[in-house]
């Protein structure tokens, strides 16, 4: 795939990432969830909480506490968001760091590791993050639920922040930037 084809693909993905409250929106009010074995229990708790917030749930796995590799599930979550199947993604592993790194390899995903309400608010308001990563070994269920609620109820509405998000989205793999820089 050459740079022009990749730029076109990225633009198409970004165009599908529209606000789910907009009429005729292509993105459903759904959240993709994923976890490795260390995040499985917290993922299950967060899925239930998201349901009470009115979201449809797409479970990308894992489905037990058997040992698995977090990148496999982080990619599935990020792809569900990047393709417009889900408005948001949530990935839980031991620390949340590796899943964030893996999810950010998918064009159209903007993953953020959040460890408190303030980082969740900032990730959405300033960076329009669409994938939340959490560390099950670092935060408890009550805090994780508060972070999730903040993440899905905060919008990026300030034009100066959106301008910066647009620059992030225009970055191409390998550090090559598209036109406009």
N, C-alpha and C. Protein backbone atom coordinates (compact mmCIF):
# COMPACT_ATOMS: atom_id res chain seq x y z
N UNK A 1 0.86 -1.18 0.00
CA UNK A 1 0.00 0.00 0.00
C UNK A 1 0.91 1.24 0.00
N UNK A 2 0.69 2.16 -0.94
CA UNK A 2 1.51 3.36 -0.98
C UNK A 2 0.93 4.43 -0.03
N UNK A 3 1.64 5.52 0.13
CA UNK A 3 1.23 6.58 1.07
C UNK A 3 -0.13 7.19 0.72
N UNK A 4 -0.41 7.39 -0.56
CA UNK A 4 -1.70 7.97 -0.96
C UNK A 4 -2.85 7.05 -0.60
N UNK A 5 -2.67 5.74 -0.84
CA UNK A 5 -3.71 4.78 -0.49
C UNK A 5 -3.91 4.72 1.03
N UNK A 6 -2.80 4.78 1.77
CA UNK A 6 -2.88 4.76 3.23
C UNK A 6 -3.57 6.02 3.76
N UNK A 7 -3.23 7.17 3.20
CA UNK A 7 -3.88 8.42 3.59
C UNK A 7 -5.38 8.35 3.34
N UNK A 8 -5.77 7.82 2.19
CA UNK A 8 -7.19 7.69 1.86
C UNK A 8 -7.90 6.76 2.84
N UNK A 9 -7.26 5.64 3.17
CA UNK A 9 -7.83 4.71 4.14
C UNK A 9 -8.02 5.39 5.49
N UNK A 10 -7.02 6.10 5.95
CA UNK A 10 -7.11 6.78 7.24
C UNK A 10 -8.23 7.82 7.22
N UNK A 11 -8.31 8.61 6.14
CA UNK A 11 -9.39 9.62 6.05
C UNK A 11 -10.77 8.95 6.11
N UNK A 12 -10.94 7.83 5.40
CA UNK A 12 -12.22 7.12 5.42
C UNK A 12 -12.57 6.63 6.81
N UNK A 13 -11.58 6.10 7.52
CA UNK A 13 -11.82 5.63 8.88
C UNK A 13 -12.20 6.79 9.78
N UNK A 14 -11.47 7.88 9.70
CA UNK A 14 -11.73 9.04 10.55
C UNK A 14 -13.12 9.61 10.26
N UNK A 15 -13.53 9.65 9.00
CA UNK A 15 -14.85 10.17 8.66
C UNK A 15 -15.97 9.34 9.28
N UNK A 16 -15.71 8.03 9.48
CA UNK A 16 -16.73 7.17 10.08
C UNK A 16 -16.79 7.33 11.60
N UNK A 17 -15.78 7.95 12.19
CA UNK A 17 -15.76 8.12 13.64
C UNK A 17 -16.51 9.40 14.00
N UNK A 18 -17.79 9.38 13.80
CA UNK A 18 -18.62 10.55 14.04
C UNK A 18 -19.31 10.43 15.39
N UNK A 19 -19.81 11.54 15.88
CA UNK A 19 -20.53 11.56 17.14
C UNK A 19 -21.78 10.70 17.05
N UNK A 20 -21.94 9.79 18.02
CA UNK A 20 -23.08 8.88 17.98
C UNK A 20 -24.41 9.58 18.23
N UNK A 21 -24.39 10.83 18.63
CA UNK A 21 -25.64 11.55 18.85
C UNK A 21 -26.11 12.25 17.57
N UNK A 22 -25.28 12.28 16.55
CA UNK A 22 -25.64 12.96 15.31
C UNK A 22 -26.67 12.12 14.55
N UNK A 23 -27.65 12.78 13.94
CA UNK A 23 -28.64 12.04 13.16
C UNK A 23 -27.96 11.27 12.03
N UNK A 24 -28.37 10.03 11.84
CA UNK A 24 -27.83 9.22 10.76
C UNK A 24 -26.40 8.77 11.00
N UNK A 25 -25.93 8.87 12.23
CA UNK A 25 -24.56 8.50 12.55
C UNK A 25 -24.29 7.05 12.20
N UNK A 26 -23.09 6.79 11.67
CA UNK A 26 -22.69 5.44 11.32
C UNK A 26 -22.15 4.67 12.52
N UNK A 27 -21.83 5.38 13.59
CA UNK A 27 -21.23 4.74 14.75
C UNK A 27 -22.29 4.50 15.81
N UNK A 28 -22.55 3.24 16.14
CA UNK A 28 -23.57 2.94 17.14
C UNK A 28 -23.12 3.31 18.55
N UNK A 29 -24.07 3.41 19.45
CA UNK A 29 -23.74 3.66 20.85
C UNK A 29 -23.33 2.31 21.44
N UNK A 30 -22.11 1.90 21.08
CA UNK A 30 -21.60 0.60 21.50
C UNK A 30 -20.16 0.75 21.97
N UNK A 31 -19.77 -0.15 22.85
CA UNK A 31 -18.40 -0.18 23.36
C UNK A 31 -17.83 -1.58 23.14
N UNK A 32 -16.64 -1.63 22.56
CA UNK A 32 -15.90 -2.88 22.43
C UNK A 32 -15.06 -3.06 23.68
N UNK A 33 -15.14 -4.23 24.29
CA UNK A 33 -14.36 -4.54 25.47
C UNK A 33 -13.39 -5.67 25.18
N UNK A 34 -12.22 -5.57 25.76
CA UNK A 34 -11.24 -6.63 25.66
C UNK A 34 -10.39 -6.66 26.91
N UNK A 35 -9.75 -7.80 27.14
CA UNK A 35 -8.88 -7.96 28.30
C UNK A 35 -7.96 -9.14 28.10
N UNK A 36 -6.86 -9.12 28.82
CA UNK A 36 -6.07 -10.33 28.93
C UNK A 36 -6.53 -11.04 30.20
N UNK A 37 -5.85 -12.11 30.57
CA UNK A 37 -6.25 -12.90 31.73
C UNK A 37 -6.24 -12.07 33.02
N UNK A 38 -5.29 -11.13 33.15
CA UNK A 38 -5.22 -10.30 34.35
C UNK A 38 -6.32 -9.26 34.43
N UNK A 39 -6.91 -8.91 33.32
CA UNK A 39 -7.97 -7.90 33.30
C UNK A 39 -9.37 -8.47 33.14
N UNK A 40 -9.46 -9.81 33.03
CA UNK A 40 -10.75 -10.44 32.74
C UNK A 40 -11.84 -10.06 33.74
N UNK A 41 -11.58 -10.17 35.02
CA UNK A 41 -12.62 -9.89 36.03
C UNK A 41 -13.08 -8.43 35.97
N UNK A 42 -12.14 -7.51 35.84
CA UNK A 42 -12.51 -6.09 35.76
C UNK A 42 -13.28 -5.81 34.48
N UNK A 43 -12.89 -6.43 33.38
CA UNK A 43 -13.63 -6.26 32.11
C UNK A 43 -15.08 -6.67 32.29
N UNK A 44 -15.32 -7.80 32.93
CA UNK A 44 -16.68 -8.28 33.14
C UNK A 44 -17.50 -7.28 33.95
N UNK A 45 -16.89 -6.71 34.98
CA UNK A 45 -17.57 -5.72 35.81
C UNK A 45 -17.88 -4.45 35.01
N UNK A 46 -16.93 -4.02 34.19
CA UNK A 46 -17.12 -2.81 33.39
C UNK A 46 -18.16 -2.99 32.30
N UNK A 47 -18.24 -4.18 31.72
CA UNK A 47 -19.28 -4.45 30.72
C UNK A 47 -20.66 -4.25 31.33
N UNK A 48 -20.85 -4.78 32.51
CA UNK A 48 -22.14 -4.63 33.20
C UNK A 48 -22.44 -3.16 33.46
N UNK A 49 -21.43 -2.43 33.91
CA UNK A 49 -21.61 -1.00 34.19
C UNK A 49 -21.96 -0.23 32.90
N UNK A 50 -21.28 -0.54 31.81
CA UNK A 50 -21.56 0.14 30.54
C UNK A 50 -22.98 -0.12 30.08
N UNK A 51 -23.48 -1.32 30.34
CA UNK A 51 -24.86 -1.64 30.01
C UNK A 51 -25.84 -0.75 30.75
N UNK A 52 -25.54 -0.45 32.02
CA UNK A 52 -26.42 0.43 32.79
C UNK A 52 -26.35 1.87 32.29
N UNK A 53 -25.28 2.21 31.56
CA UNK A 53 -25.15 3.54 30.98
C UNK A 53 -25.80 3.62 29.60
N UNK A 54 -26.40 2.52 29.15
CA UNK A 54 -27.13 2.52 27.89
C UNK A 54 -26.33 2.09 26.68
N UNK A 55 -25.18 1.49 26.87
CA UNK A 55 -24.35 1.07 25.75
C UNK A 55 -24.59 -0.38 25.38
N UNK A 56 -24.51 -0.66 24.09
CA UNK A 56 -24.45 -2.04 23.61
C UNK A 56 -23.02 -2.51 23.83
N UNK A 57 -22.85 -3.80 24.06
CA UNK A 57 -21.54 -4.35 24.38
C UNK A 57 -21.07 -5.29 23.27
N UNK A 58 -19.83 -5.11 22.84
CA UNK A 58 -19.16 -6.05 21.94
C UNK A 58 -17.97 -6.59 22.73
N UNK A 59 -18.00 -7.87 23.05
CA UNK A 59 -16.92 -8.48 23.82
C UNK A 59 -15.92 -9.11 22.86
N UNK A 60 -14.71 -8.57 22.84
CA UNK A 60 -13.64 -9.05 21.96
C UNK A 60 -12.75 -10.09 22.64
N UNK A 61 -13.10 -10.51 23.85
CA UNK A 61 -12.32 -11.52 24.58
C UNK A 61 -11.33 -10.86 25.51
N UNK A 62 -10.68 -11.61 26.24
CA UNK A 62 -10.68 -13.02 26.49
C UNK A 62 -11.92 -13.40 27.31
N UNK A 63 -12.16 -14.68 27.40
CA UNK A 63 -13.38 -15.13 28.04
C UNK A 63 -13.12 -15.98 29.28
N UNK A 64 -11.89 -15.91 29.80
CA UNK A 64 -11.53 -16.65 31.02
C UNK A 64 -10.25 -16.05 31.60
N UNK A 65 -9.80 -16.64 32.68
CA UNK A 65 -8.55 -16.20 33.30
C UNK A 65 -7.35 -17.03 32.82
N UNK A 66 -7.54 -17.83 31.78
CA UNK A 66 -6.42 -18.57 31.20
C UNK A 66 -5.45 -17.59 30.55
N UNK A 67 -4.16 -17.84 30.69
CA UNK A 67 -3.13 -16.93 30.19
C UNK A 67 -3.25 -16.72 28.68
N UNK A 68 -3.24 -15.44 28.28
CA UNK A 68 -3.29 -15.02 26.88
C UNK A 68 -2.39 -13.80 26.71
N UNK A 69 -2.22 -13.35 25.48
CA UNK A 69 -1.38 -12.19 25.18
C UNK A 69 -2.25 -10.96 24.91
N UNK A 70 -2.06 -9.90 25.69
CA UNK A 70 -2.90 -8.70 25.58
C UNK A 70 -2.91 -8.05 24.20
N UNK A 71 -1.82 -8.06 23.40
CA UNK A 71 -1.90 -7.39 22.10
C UNK A 71 -2.99 -7.96 21.19
N UNK A 72 -3.24 -9.27 21.30
CA UNK A 72 -4.26 -9.89 20.45
C UNK A 72 -5.63 -9.26 20.67
N UNK A 73 -5.94 -8.92 21.90
CA UNK A 73 -7.25 -8.38 22.24
C UNK A 73 -7.29 -6.86 22.09
N UNK A 74 -6.18 -6.19 22.36
CA UNK A 74 -6.12 -4.74 22.18
C UNK A 74 -6.35 -4.38 20.71
N UNK A 75 -5.79 -5.17 19.81
CA UNK A 75 -5.97 -4.92 18.37
C UNK A 75 -7.44 -5.13 17.98
N UNK A 76 -8.08 -6.16 18.49
CA UNK A 76 -9.49 -6.40 18.17
C UNK A 76 -10.36 -5.23 18.65
N UNK A 77 -10.09 -4.74 19.85
CA UNK A 77 -10.86 -3.60 20.38
C UNK A 77 -10.64 -2.37 19.51
N UNK A 78 -9.38 -2.07 19.20
CA UNK A 78 -9.05 -0.88 18.41
C UNK A 78 -9.66 -0.98 17.01
N UNK A 79 -9.65 -2.16 16.42
CA UNK A 79 -10.24 -2.33 15.08
C UNK A 79 -11.75 -2.13 15.12
N UNK A 80 -12.40 -2.57 16.19
CA UNK A 80 -13.86 -2.36 16.30
C UNK A 80 -14.19 -0.88 16.34
N UNK A 81 -13.33 -0.09 16.96
CA UNK A 81 -13.55 1.37 17.01
C UNK A 81 -13.17 2.00 15.67
N UNK A 82 -12.01 1.65 15.15
CA UNK A 82 -11.52 2.26 13.91
C UNK A 82 -12.42 1.98 12.71
N UNK A 83 -13.09 0.84 12.70
CA UNK A 83 -13.97 0.51 11.58
C UNK A 83 -15.39 1.04 11.78
N UNK A 84 -15.65 1.66 12.92
CA UNK A 84 -16.96 2.24 13.16
C UNK A 84 -17.98 1.27 13.75
N UNK A 85 -17.59 0.06 14.09
CA UNK A 85 -18.51 -0.88 14.73
C UNK A 85 -18.91 -0.39 16.12
N UNK A 86 -17.99 0.28 16.79
CA UNK A 86 -18.22 0.77 18.15
C UNK A 86 -17.75 2.20 18.28
N UNK A 87 -18.41 2.94 19.13
CA UNK A 87 -18.04 4.34 19.39
C UNK A 87 -16.78 4.41 20.23
N UNK A 88 -16.66 3.53 21.21
CA UNK A 88 -15.52 3.50 22.13
C UNK A 88 -15.00 2.08 22.27
N UNK A 89 -13.78 1.98 22.78
CA UNK A 89 -13.20 0.71 23.14
C UNK A 89 -12.63 0.80 24.54
N UNK A 90 -12.65 -0.33 25.24
CA UNK A 90 -12.05 -0.42 26.56
C UNK A 90 -11.23 -1.70 26.60
N UNK A 91 -9.96 -1.56 26.95
CA UNK A 91 -9.05 -2.70 27.04
C UNK A 91 -8.42 -2.71 28.42
N UNK A 92 -8.45 -3.88 29.07
CA UNK A 92 -7.93 -4.02 30.43
C UNK A 92 -6.85 -5.10 30.45
N UNK A 93 -5.68 -4.71 30.91
CA UNK A 93 -4.63 -5.69 31.18
C UNK A 93 -4.05 -5.37 32.56
N UNK A 94 -2.91 -5.90 32.89
CA UNK A 94 -2.35 -5.70 34.23
C UNK A 94 -2.05 -4.25 34.55
N UNK A 95 -1.37 -3.56 33.64
CA UNK A 95 -1.00 -2.16 33.86
C UNK A 95 -1.67 -1.20 32.88
N UNK A 96 -2.16 -1.68 31.75
CA UNK A 96 -2.81 -0.84 30.74
C UNK A 96 -1.84 -0.23 29.74
N UNK A 97 -0.56 -0.32 30.00
CA UNK A 97 0.45 0.32 29.15
C UNK A 97 0.61 -0.41 27.82
N UNK A 98 0.84 -1.70 27.88
CA UNK A 98 1.06 -2.48 26.66
C UNK A 98 -0.15 -2.46 25.74
N UNK A 99 -1.34 -2.55 26.32
CA UNK A 99 -2.55 -2.50 25.51
C UNK A 99 -2.70 -1.15 24.82
N UNK A 100 -2.32 -0.09 25.50
CA UNK A 100 -2.38 1.24 24.91
C UNK A 100 -1.43 1.32 23.71
N UNK A 101 -0.24 0.79 23.89
CA UNK A 101 0.74 0.81 22.80
C UNK A 101 0.24 0.01 21.60
N UNK A 102 -0.31 -1.17 21.85
CA UNK A 102 -0.80 -2.02 20.77
C UNK A 102 -1.99 -1.37 20.05
N UNK A 103 -2.94 -0.84 20.80
CA UNK A 103 -4.13 -0.23 20.21
C UNK A 103 -3.77 0.96 19.34
N UNK A 104 -2.77 1.72 19.74
CA UNK A 104 -2.38 2.90 18.98
C UNK A 104 -1.68 2.58 17.67
N UNK A 105 -1.41 1.33 17.40
CA UNK A 105 -0.85 0.92 16.11
C UNK A 105 -1.94 0.84 15.03
N UNK A 106 -3.21 0.87 15.44
CA UNK A 106 -4.32 0.75 14.50
C UNK A 106 -4.75 2.15 14.04
N UNK A 107 -4.64 2.46 12.73
CA UNK A 107 -5.07 3.78 12.25
C UNK A 107 -6.54 4.03 12.61
N UNK A 108 -6.80 5.20 13.16
CA UNK A 108 -8.16 5.56 13.56
C UNK A 108 -8.41 5.34 15.04
N UNK A 109 -7.54 4.61 15.72
CA UNK A 109 -7.65 4.43 17.17
C UNK A 109 -6.78 5.46 17.85
N UNK A 110 -7.32 6.07 18.88
CA UNK A 110 -6.58 6.99 19.73
C UNK A 110 -6.74 6.50 21.16
N UNK A 111 -5.83 5.61 21.56
CA UNK A 111 -5.92 4.98 22.88
C UNK A 111 -5.22 5.82 23.93
N UNK A 112 -5.79 5.81 25.13
CA UNK A 112 -5.20 6.53 26.26
C UNK A 112 -5.29 5.66 27.51
N UNK A 113 -4.19 5.56 28.21
CA UNK A 113 -4.16 4.90 29.51
C UNK A 113 -4.64 5.91 30.54
N UNK A 114 -5.69 5.57 31.24
CA UNK A 114 -6.23 6.47 32.26
C UNK A 114 -6.20 5.76 33.61
N UNK A 115 -5.79 6.48 34.63
CA UNK A 115 -5.66 5.91 35.96
C UNK A 115 -6.42 6.69 37.01
N UNK A 116 -7.12 7.74 36.58
CA UNK A 116 -8.00 8.48 37.47
C UNK A 116 -9.01 9.28 36.62
N UNK A 117 -9.93 9.95 37.28
CA UNK A 117 -10.97 10.69 36.57
C UNK A 117 -10.39 11.85 35.77
N UNK A 118 -9.37 12.48 36.31
CA UNK A 118 -8.75 13.62 35.62
C UNK A 118 -8.11 13.20 34.30
N UNK A 119 -7.40 12.07 34.28
CA UNK A 119 -6.79 11.63 33.02
C UNK A 119 -7.84 11.18 32.02
N UNK A 120 -8.94 10.61 32.50
CA UNK A 120 -10.03 10.22 31.60
C UNK A 120 -10.66 11.46 30.96
N UNK A 121 -10.89 12.48 31.76
CA UNK A 121 -11.46 13.73 31.25
C UNK A 121 -10.52 14.36 30.23
N UNK A 122 -9.24 14.43 30.55
CA UNK A 122 -8.27 15.03 29.65
C UNK A 122 -8.13 14.23 28.36
N UNK A 123 -8.12 12.91 28.47
CA UNK A 123 -7.99 12.07 27.27
C UNK A 123 -9.11 12.33 26.28
N UNK A 124 -10.31 12.55 26.76
CA UNK A 124 -11.45 12.82 25.88
C UNK A 124 -11.50 14.28 25.46
N UNK A 125 -11.42 15.19 26.43
CA UNK A 125 -11.61 16.61 26.15
C UNK A 125 -10.49 17.19 25.28
N UNK A 126 -9.26 16.81 25.54
CA UNK A 126 -8.12 17.38 24.84
C UNK A 126 -7.64 16.54 23.67
N UNK A 127 -7.83 15.22 23.72
CA UNK A 127 -7.25 14.33 22.72
C UNK A 127 -8.27 13.51 21.96
N UNK A 128 -9.54 13.65 22.30
CA UNK A 128 -10.62 12.90 21.66
C UNK A 128 -10.29 11.41 21.58
N UNK A 129 -9.73 10.87 22.67
CA UNK A 129 -9.40 9.45 22.72
C UNK A 129 -10.67 8.64 22.51
N UNK A 130 -10.53 7.51 21.82
CA UNK A 130 -11.70 6.66 21.60
C UNK A 130 -11.49 5.24 22.13
N UNK A 131 -10.30 4.96 22.63
CA UNK A 131 -10.02 3.68 23.29
C UNK A 131 -9.43 3.98 24.66
N UNK A 132 -10.03 3.43 25.67
CA UNK A 132 -9.59 3.58 27.06
C UNK A 132 -8.85 2.32 27.46
N UNK A 133 -7.64 2.47 27.98
CA UNK A 133 -6.95 1.31 28.52
C UNK A 133 -6.79 1.49 30.03
N UNK A 134 -6.93 0.38 30.73
CA UNK A 134 -6.90 0.39 32.19
C UNK A 134 -5.99 -0.73 32.70
N UNK A 135 -5.39 -0.49 33.86
CA UNK A 135 -4.56 -1.49 34.50
C UNK A 135 -5.28 -2.11 35.68
N UNK A 136 -5.71 -3.35 35.52
CA UNK A 136 -6.46 -4.03 36.57
C UNK A 136 -5.63 -4.22 37.84
N UNK A 137 -4.32 -4.27 37.69
CA UNK A 137 -3.46 -4.42 38.85
C UNK A 137 -3.19 -3.12 39.57
N UNK A 138 -3.69 -2.02 39.02
CA UNK A 138 -3.38 -0.70 39.59
C UNK A 138 -4.59 0.04 40.15
N UNK A 139 -5.78 -0.27 39.65
CA UNK A 139 -6.98 0.42 40.12
C UNK A 139 -8.06 -0.60 40.46
N UNK A 140 -8.96 -0.21 41.33
CA UNK A 140 -10.05 -1.09 41.72
C UNK A 140 -11.29 -0.87 40.87
N UNK A 141 -12.29 -1.73 41.07
CA UNK A 141 -13.51 -1.66 40.26
C UNK A 141 -14.28 -0.35 40.39
N UNK A 142 -14.37 0.21 41.58
CA UNK A 142 -15.13 1.45 41.76
C UNK A 142 -14.49 2.60 40.98
N UNK A 143 -13.18 2.73 41.08
CA UNK A 143 -12.48 3.77 40.33
C UNK A 143 -12.58 3.52 38.83
N UNK A 144 -12.43 2.26 38.42
CA UNK A 144 -12.53 1.94 36.99
C UNK A 144 -13.89 2.32 36.43
N UNK A 145 -14.95 2.10 37.19
CA UNK A 145 -16.30 2.47 36.73
C UNK A 145 -16.43 3.99 36.61
N UNK A 146 -15.86 4.72 37.56
CA UNK A 146 -15.91 6.19 37.50
C UNK A 146 -15.11 6.70 36.30
N UNK A 147 -13.96 6.09 36.04
CA UNK A 147 -13.15 6.47 34.88
C UNK A 147 -13.92 6.21 33.59
N UNK A 148 -14.54 5.04 33.49
CA UNK A 148 -15.32 4.70 32.30
C UNK A 148 -16.45 5.70 32.08
N UNK A 149 -17.19 6.01 33.13
CA UNK A 149 -18.30 6.97 33.00
C UNK A 149 -17.80 8.33 32.54
N UNK A 150 -16.70 8.80 33.10
CA UNK A 150 -16.13 10.08 32.68
C UNK A 150 -15.70 10.02 31.22
N UNK A 151 -15.07 8.92 30.83
CA UNK A 151 -14.58 8.76 29.47
C UNK A 151 -15.72 8.84 28.45
N UNK A 152 -16.83 8.19 28.72
CA UNK A 152 -17.92 8.14 27.74
C UNK A 152 -18.87 9.33 27.81
N UNK A 153 -18.72 10.19 28.82
CA UNK A 153 -19.60 11.35 28.92
C UNK A 153 -18.88 12.67 28.66
N UNK A 154 -17.61 12.62 28.33
CA UNK A 154 -16.83 13.83 28.06
C UNK A 154 -16.59 13.92 26.56
N UNK A 155 -16.76 15.10 26.01
CA UNK A 155 -16.56 15.31 24.57
C UNK A 155 -15.41 16.29 24.32
N UNK A 156 -14.84 16.19 23.16
CA UNK A 156 -13.81 17.12 22.68
C UNK A 156 -14.52 18.17 21.85
N UNK A 157 -14.80 19.31 22.44
CA UNK A 157 -15.58 20.33 21.75
C UNK A 157 -14.81 21.61 21.46
N UNK A 158 -13.68 21.81 22.07
CA UNK A 158 -12.89 23.02 21.90
C UNK A 158 -12.15 22.95 20.56
N UNK A 159 -12.36 23.93 19.67
CA UNK A 159 -11.71 23.89 18.35
C UNK A 159 -10.18 23.75 18.40
N UNK A 160 -9.53 24.38 19.37
CA UNK A 160 -8.07 24.28 19.43
C UNK A 160 -7.62 22.85 19.75
N UNK A 161 -8.42 22.14 20.55
CA UNK A 161 -8.08 20.75 20.84
C UNK A 161 -8.34 19.87 19.61
N UNK A 162 -9.45 20.10 18.93
CA UNK A 162 -9.77 19.30 17.74
C UNK A 162 -8.72 19.51 16.65
N UNK A 163 -8.20 20.72 16.53
CA UNK A 163 -7.14 20.99 15.55
C UNK A 163 -5.93 20.09 15.84
N UNK A 164 -5.60 19.92 17.11
CA UNK A 164 -4.46 19.08 17.48
C UNK A 164 -4.76 17.60 17.24
N UNK A 165 -5.99 17.19 17.51
CA UNK A 165 -6.40 15.81 17.24
C UNK A 165 -6.30 15.53 15.74
N UNK A 166 -6.71 16.49 14.93
CA UNK A 166 -6.61 16.32 13.47
C UNK A 166 -5.16 16.11 13.05
N UNK A 167 -4.23 16.79 13.71
CA UNK A 167 -2.82 16.60 13.39
C UNK A 167 -2.36 15.20 13.80
N UNK A 168 -2.83 14.71 14.93
CA UNK A 168 -2.50 13.34 15.34
C UNK A 168 -3.03 12.36 14.31
N UNK A 169 -4.28 12.54 13.90
CA UNK A 169 -4.89 11.63 12.94
C UNK A 169 -4.18 11.66 11.59
N UNK A 170 -3.56 12.78 11.24
CA UNK A 170 -2.89 12.90 9.95
C UNK A 170 -1.52 12.23 9.94
N UNK A 171 -1.00 11.88 11.11
CA UNK A 171 0.29 11.19 11.15
C UNK A 171 0.15 9.81 10.53
N UNK A 172 1.14 9.44 9.76
CA UNK A 172 1.14 8.15 9.10
C UNK A 172 2.17 7.23 9.76
N UNK A 173 2.02 5.93 9.59
CA UNK A 173 3.01 5.00 10.13
C UNK A 173 4.41 5.34 9.66
N UNK A 174 5.38 5.13 10.51
CA UNK A 174 6.77 5.42 10.15
C UNK A 174 7.13 6.87 10.34
N UNK A 175 6.24 7.66 10.93
CA UNK A 175 6.55 9.06 11.19
C UNK A 175 6.35 9.97 10.00
N UNK A 176 5.84 9.47 8.91
CA UNK A 176 5.61 10.29 7.72
C UNK A 176 4.29 11.03 7.92
N UNK A 177 4.32 12.31 7.67
CA UNK A 177 3.10 13.11 7.84
C UNK A 177 2.46 13.32 6.48
N UNK A 178 1.13 13.42 6.54
CA UNK A 178 0.41 13.71 5.30
C UNK A 178 0.48 15.21 5.04
N UNK A 179 -0.12 15.63 3.95
CA UNK A 179 -0.11 17.04 3.60
C UNK A 179 -0.75 17.88 4.69
N UNK A 180 -0.37 19.13 4.74
CA UNK A 180 -0.95 20.06 5.71
C UNK A 180 -0.02 20.36 6.87
N UNK A 181 1.20 19.80 6.84
CA UNK A 181 2.16 20.10 7.90
C UNK A 181 3.34 20.84 7.34
